[in-house]
Protein backbone atom coordinates (compact mmCIF):
# COMPACT_ATOMS: atom_id res chain seq x y z
CA UNK A 1 -0.04 -0.12 -0.07
CA UNK A 2 1.21 3.40 -0.85
CA UNK A 3 0.89 6.67 1.35
CA UNK A 4 -1.42 8.89 -0.46
CA UNK A 5 0.36 12.21 0.59
CA UNK A 6 4.08 13.18 0.44
CA UNK A 7 5.25 16.49 1.59
CA UNK A 8 6.74 17.54 -1.72
CA UNK A 9 3.38 17.02 -3.48
CA UNK A 10 1.55 18.79 -0.83
CA UNK A 11 3.83 21.59 -0.84
CA UNK A 12 3.62 21.70 -4.55
CA UNK A 13 -0.28 21.92 -4.41
CA UNK A 14 -0.36 24.42 -1.64
CA UNK A 15 2.29 26.91 -3.17
CA UNK A 16 -0.36 28.93 -5.02
CA UNK A 17 -1.75 29.93 -1.71
CA UNK A 18 1.24 29.88 0.50
CA UNK A 19 0.74 33.29 1.96
CA UNK A 20 -2.39 32.01 3.71
CA UNK A 21 -0.74 28.84 5.15
CA UNK A 22 1.56 30.60 7.88
CA UNK A 23 -1.41 32.68 9.00
CA UNK A 24 -3.57 29.55 9.29
CA UNK A 25 -0.66 27.89 11.13
CA UNK A 26 -0.75 30.84 13.48
CA UNK A 27 -4.36 30.64 13.74
CA UNK A 28 -4.75 26.89 14.65
CA UNK A 29 -1.90 26.78 16.95
CA UNK A 30 -3.03 29.93 18.91
CA UNK A 31 -0.14 32.04 18.61
CA UNK A 32 -2.30 34.84 19.97
CA UNK A 33 -4.71 34.23 22.92
CA UNK A 34 -7.63 35.74 20.85
CA UNK A 35 -7.44 32.94 18.20
CA UNK A 36 -9.41 30.11 20.12
CA UNK A 37 -12.14 32.65 20.90
CA UNK A 38 -12.14 33.72 17.26
CA UNK A 39 -12.29 29.93 16.01
CA UNK A 40 -14.88 28.91 18.51
CA UNK A 41 -17.04 32.14 17.39
CA UNK A 42 -16.82 31.29 13.78
CA UNK A 43 -17.91 27.67 14.28
CA UNK A 44 -20.83 28.96 16.55
CA UNK A 45 -21.86 31.52 14.07
CA UNK A 46 -21.85 28.98 11.12
CA UNK A 47 -23.88 26.45 13.22
CA UNK A 48 -26.19 29.16 14.45
CA UNK A 49 -27.11 30.20 11.03
CA UNK A 50 -27.48 26.53 9.87
CA UNK A 51 -29.92 26.14 13.05
CA UNK A 52 -31.72 29.45 12.26
CA UNK A 53 -32.08 28.96 8.63
CA UNK A 54 -32.87 25.31 8.74
CA UNK A 55 -31.69 24.36 5.27
CA UNK A 56 -32.21 21.03 3.74
CA UNK A 57 -29.11 18.57 3.82
CA UNK A 58 -28.55 19.27 0.09
CA UNK A 59 -28.86 22.98 0.24
CA UNK A 60 -26.30 22.94 3.24
CA UNK A 61 -23.68 20.62 1.55
CA UNK A 62 -24.21 22.87 -1.77
CA UNK A 63 -23.69 26.09 0.35
CA UNK A 64 -20.54 24.65 1.85
CA UNK A 65 -19.36 23.30 -1.44
CA UNK A 66 -19.82 26.93 -2.92
CA UNK A 67 -17.90 28.51 -0.02
CA UNK A 68 -14.98 25.95 -0.56
CA UNK A 69 -14.96 26.31 -4.36
CA UNK A 70 -15.10 30.30 -3.91
CA UNK A 71 -12.29 30.09 -1.44
CA UNK A 72 -10.18 27.69 -3.68
CA UNK A 73 -10.49 30.27 -6.56
CA UNK A 74 -10.06 33.35 -4.69
CA UNK A 75 -7.22 32.58 -2.33
CA UNK A 76 -4.59 31.95 -4.95
CA UNK A 77 -5.60 35.22 -6.51
CA UNK A 78 -5.61 37.23 -3.42
CA UNK A 79 -2.28 35.63 -2.38
CA UNK A 80 -0.70 36.59 -5.94
CA UNK A 81 -2.13 40.19 -5.64
CA UNK A 82 -1.23 40.79 -2.16
CA UNK A 83 2.20 39.27 -1.93
CA UNK A 84 5.38 39.38 -3.92
CA UNK A 85 8.66 37.60 -3.53
CA UNK A 86 9.91 40.48 -1.52
CA UNK A 87 7.50 40.04 1.28
CA UNK A 88 8.18 36.08 1.58
CA UNK A 89 10.66 35.86 4.46
CA UNK A 90 12.40 32.91 5.93
CA UNK A 91 10.20 32.95 8.84
CA UNK A 92 7.15 32.43 6.61
CA UNK A 93 9.03 29.81 4.58
CA UNK A 94 9.57 28.07 8.10
CA UNK A 95 5.88 28.27 9.00
CA UNK A 96 4.92 27.10 5.41
CA UNK A 97 7.13 24.22 5.89
CA UNK A 98 5.60 23.32 9.42
CA UNK A 99 2.15 23.62 7.94
CA UNK A 100 3.02 21.37 5.24
CA UNK A 101 4.65 18.83 7.50
CA UNK A 102 1.66 18.87 9.86
CA UNK A 103 -0.77 18.16 7.15
CA UNK A 104 1.44 15.26 5.76
CA UNK A 105 1.88 13.87 9.40
CA UNK A 106 -1.80 13.75 10.15
CA UNK A 107 -2.34 12.26 6.66
CA UNK A 108 0.02 9.70 7.25
CA UNK A 109 -1.42 9.01 10.81
CA UNK A 110 -4.75 8.52 9.20
CA UNK A 111 -3.47 6.27 6.70
CA UNK A 112 -1.70 4.21 9.23
CA UNK A 113 -4.92 3.93 11.47
CA UNK A 114 -6.61 2.63 8.16
CA UNK A 115 -3.99 0.25 7.68
CA UNK A 116 -4.17 -1.13 11.32
CA UNK A 117 -8.03 -1.57 11.06
CA UNK A 118 -7.33 -3.45 7.83
CA UNK A 119 -4.68 -5.72 9.56
CA UNK A 120 -7.02 -6.16 12.56
CA UNK A 121 -9.92 -7.17 10.34
CA UNK A 122 -7.66 -9.81 8.66
CA UNK A 123 -5.97 -11.28 11.63
CA UNK A 124 -8.88 -11.20 14.22
CA UNK A 125 -12.08 -10.89 12.24
CA UNK A 126 -14.44 -11.99 14.98
CA UNK A 127 -13.15 -9.30 17.43
CA UNK A 128 -12.95 -6.86 14.83
CA UNK A 129 -16.65 -7.32 13.80
CA UNK A 130 -17.78 -7.39 17.37
CA UNK A 131 -16.00 -4.21 18.07
CA UNK A 132 -17.31 -2.39 15.28
CA UNK A 133 -20.60 -3.49 15.73
CA UNK A 134 -20.74 -2.35 19.28
CA UNK A 135 -18.95 0.98 18.12
CA UNK A 136 -21.80 1.68 15.60
CA UNK A 137 -24.51 0.60 17.89
CA UNK A 138 -23.36 3.19 20.55
CA UNK A 139 -23.03 5.91 17.74
CA UNK A 140 -26.58 5.06 16.65
CA UNK A 141 -27.88 5.48 20.31
CA UNK A 142 -25.82 8.62 20.67
CA UNK A 143 -27.43 10.01 17.39
CA UNK A 144 -30.81 9.16 18.45
CA UNK A 145 -30.45 10.75 21.97
CA UNK A 146 -28.71 13.99 20.89
CA UNK A 147 -29.66 16.41 18.21
CA UNK A 148 -27.41 15.91 15.01
CA UNK A 149 -26.72 19.44 14.44
CA UNK A 150 -25.42 19.74 18.17
CA UNK A 151 -23.38 16.69 17.68
CA UNK A 152 -21.95 18.09 14.50
CA UNK A 153 -21.24 21.61 16.11
CA UNK A 154 -19.43 19.81 19.05
CA UNK A 155 -17.51 17.56 16.69
CA UNK A 156 -16.32 20.43 14.40
CA UNK A 157 -15.62 22.64 17.30
CA UNK A 158 -13.45 20.15 18.78
CA UNK A 159 -11.47 19.40 15.59
CA UNK A 160 -10.75 23.07 14.98
CA UNK A 161 -9.52 23.63 18.57
CA UNK A 162 -7.37 20.20 18.59
CA UNK A 163 -4.22 21.80 17.02
CA UNK A 164 -4.24 24.50 19.49
CA UNK A 165 -4.88 22.20 22.50
CA UNK A 166 -2.13 19.95 21.14
CA UNK A 167 0.31 22.69 20.70
CA UNK A 168 0.01 24.00 24.14
CA UNK A 169 0.16 20.43 25.37
CA UNK A 170 -3.56 20.93 27.16
CA UNK A 171 -4.95 17.85 25.58
CA UNK A 172 -2.08 15.69 26.36
CA UNK A 173 -2.21 16.79 30.23
CA UNK A 174 -5.95 15.97 30.53
CA UNK A 175 -5.75 12.75 28.67
CA UNK A 176 -3.01 11.70 31.06
CA UNK A 177 -4.95 12.79 33.84
CA UNK A 178 -8.16 10.97 32.66
CA UNK A 179 -6.06 7.70 31.98
CA UNK A 180 -4.53 7.97 35.51
CA UNK A 181 -8.09 8.39 36.88
CA UNK A 182 -9.51 5.36 35.14
CA UNK A 183 -6.54 3.20 36.13
CA UNK A 184 -6.87 4.08 39.57
CA UNK A 185 -10.67 3.29 39.51
CA UNK A 186 -9.89 -0.07 38.02
CA UNK A 187 -7.13 -0.67 40.68
CA UNK A 188 -4.34 -0.92 38.24
CA UNK A 189 -0.97 0.55 39.66
CA UNK A 190 0.82 2.87 37.17
CA UNK A 191 4.42 2.68 36.73
CA UNK A 192 6.62 5.45 37.87
CA UNK A 193 9.55 6.28 35.79
């Protein structure tokens, strides 16, 4: 199996809008304390509009597609008109390289997870099937108990905040505390290093 995204290919594809990538890196890694509030506000406004307007699924998907298509067309044009080679600094180049590296890293991690699931399915099909059925039953129950728009809002909000939470190591601290609490509740002693 071949990995779908290489850094060189990704760098080549993102070069037309490379002026935007360092800005996005700063926003999603919370270089300024106002960025998480801004991200949360944008997601909340988007889902507030979806809730208020109540578009059909097709209309909502089409609207998102139109926005993405317009951004795909406008961002490279704006990037070319706003920037020149004079304003491209080594710091921006470093941020662009970090941005490309992180996207490639998470693409590889997603690919590796998919390969692991495929291997698990091949090696232990009964356990795999039981776990997948239980997972989907749980998700169906959650989807039935909680409003779909609220679930989508919480999921998208979490996904937009994860890079900043990881950059500031907040997610790792709370995951470690949660793991320690679960291990203590189960009576398992944690190893001290």
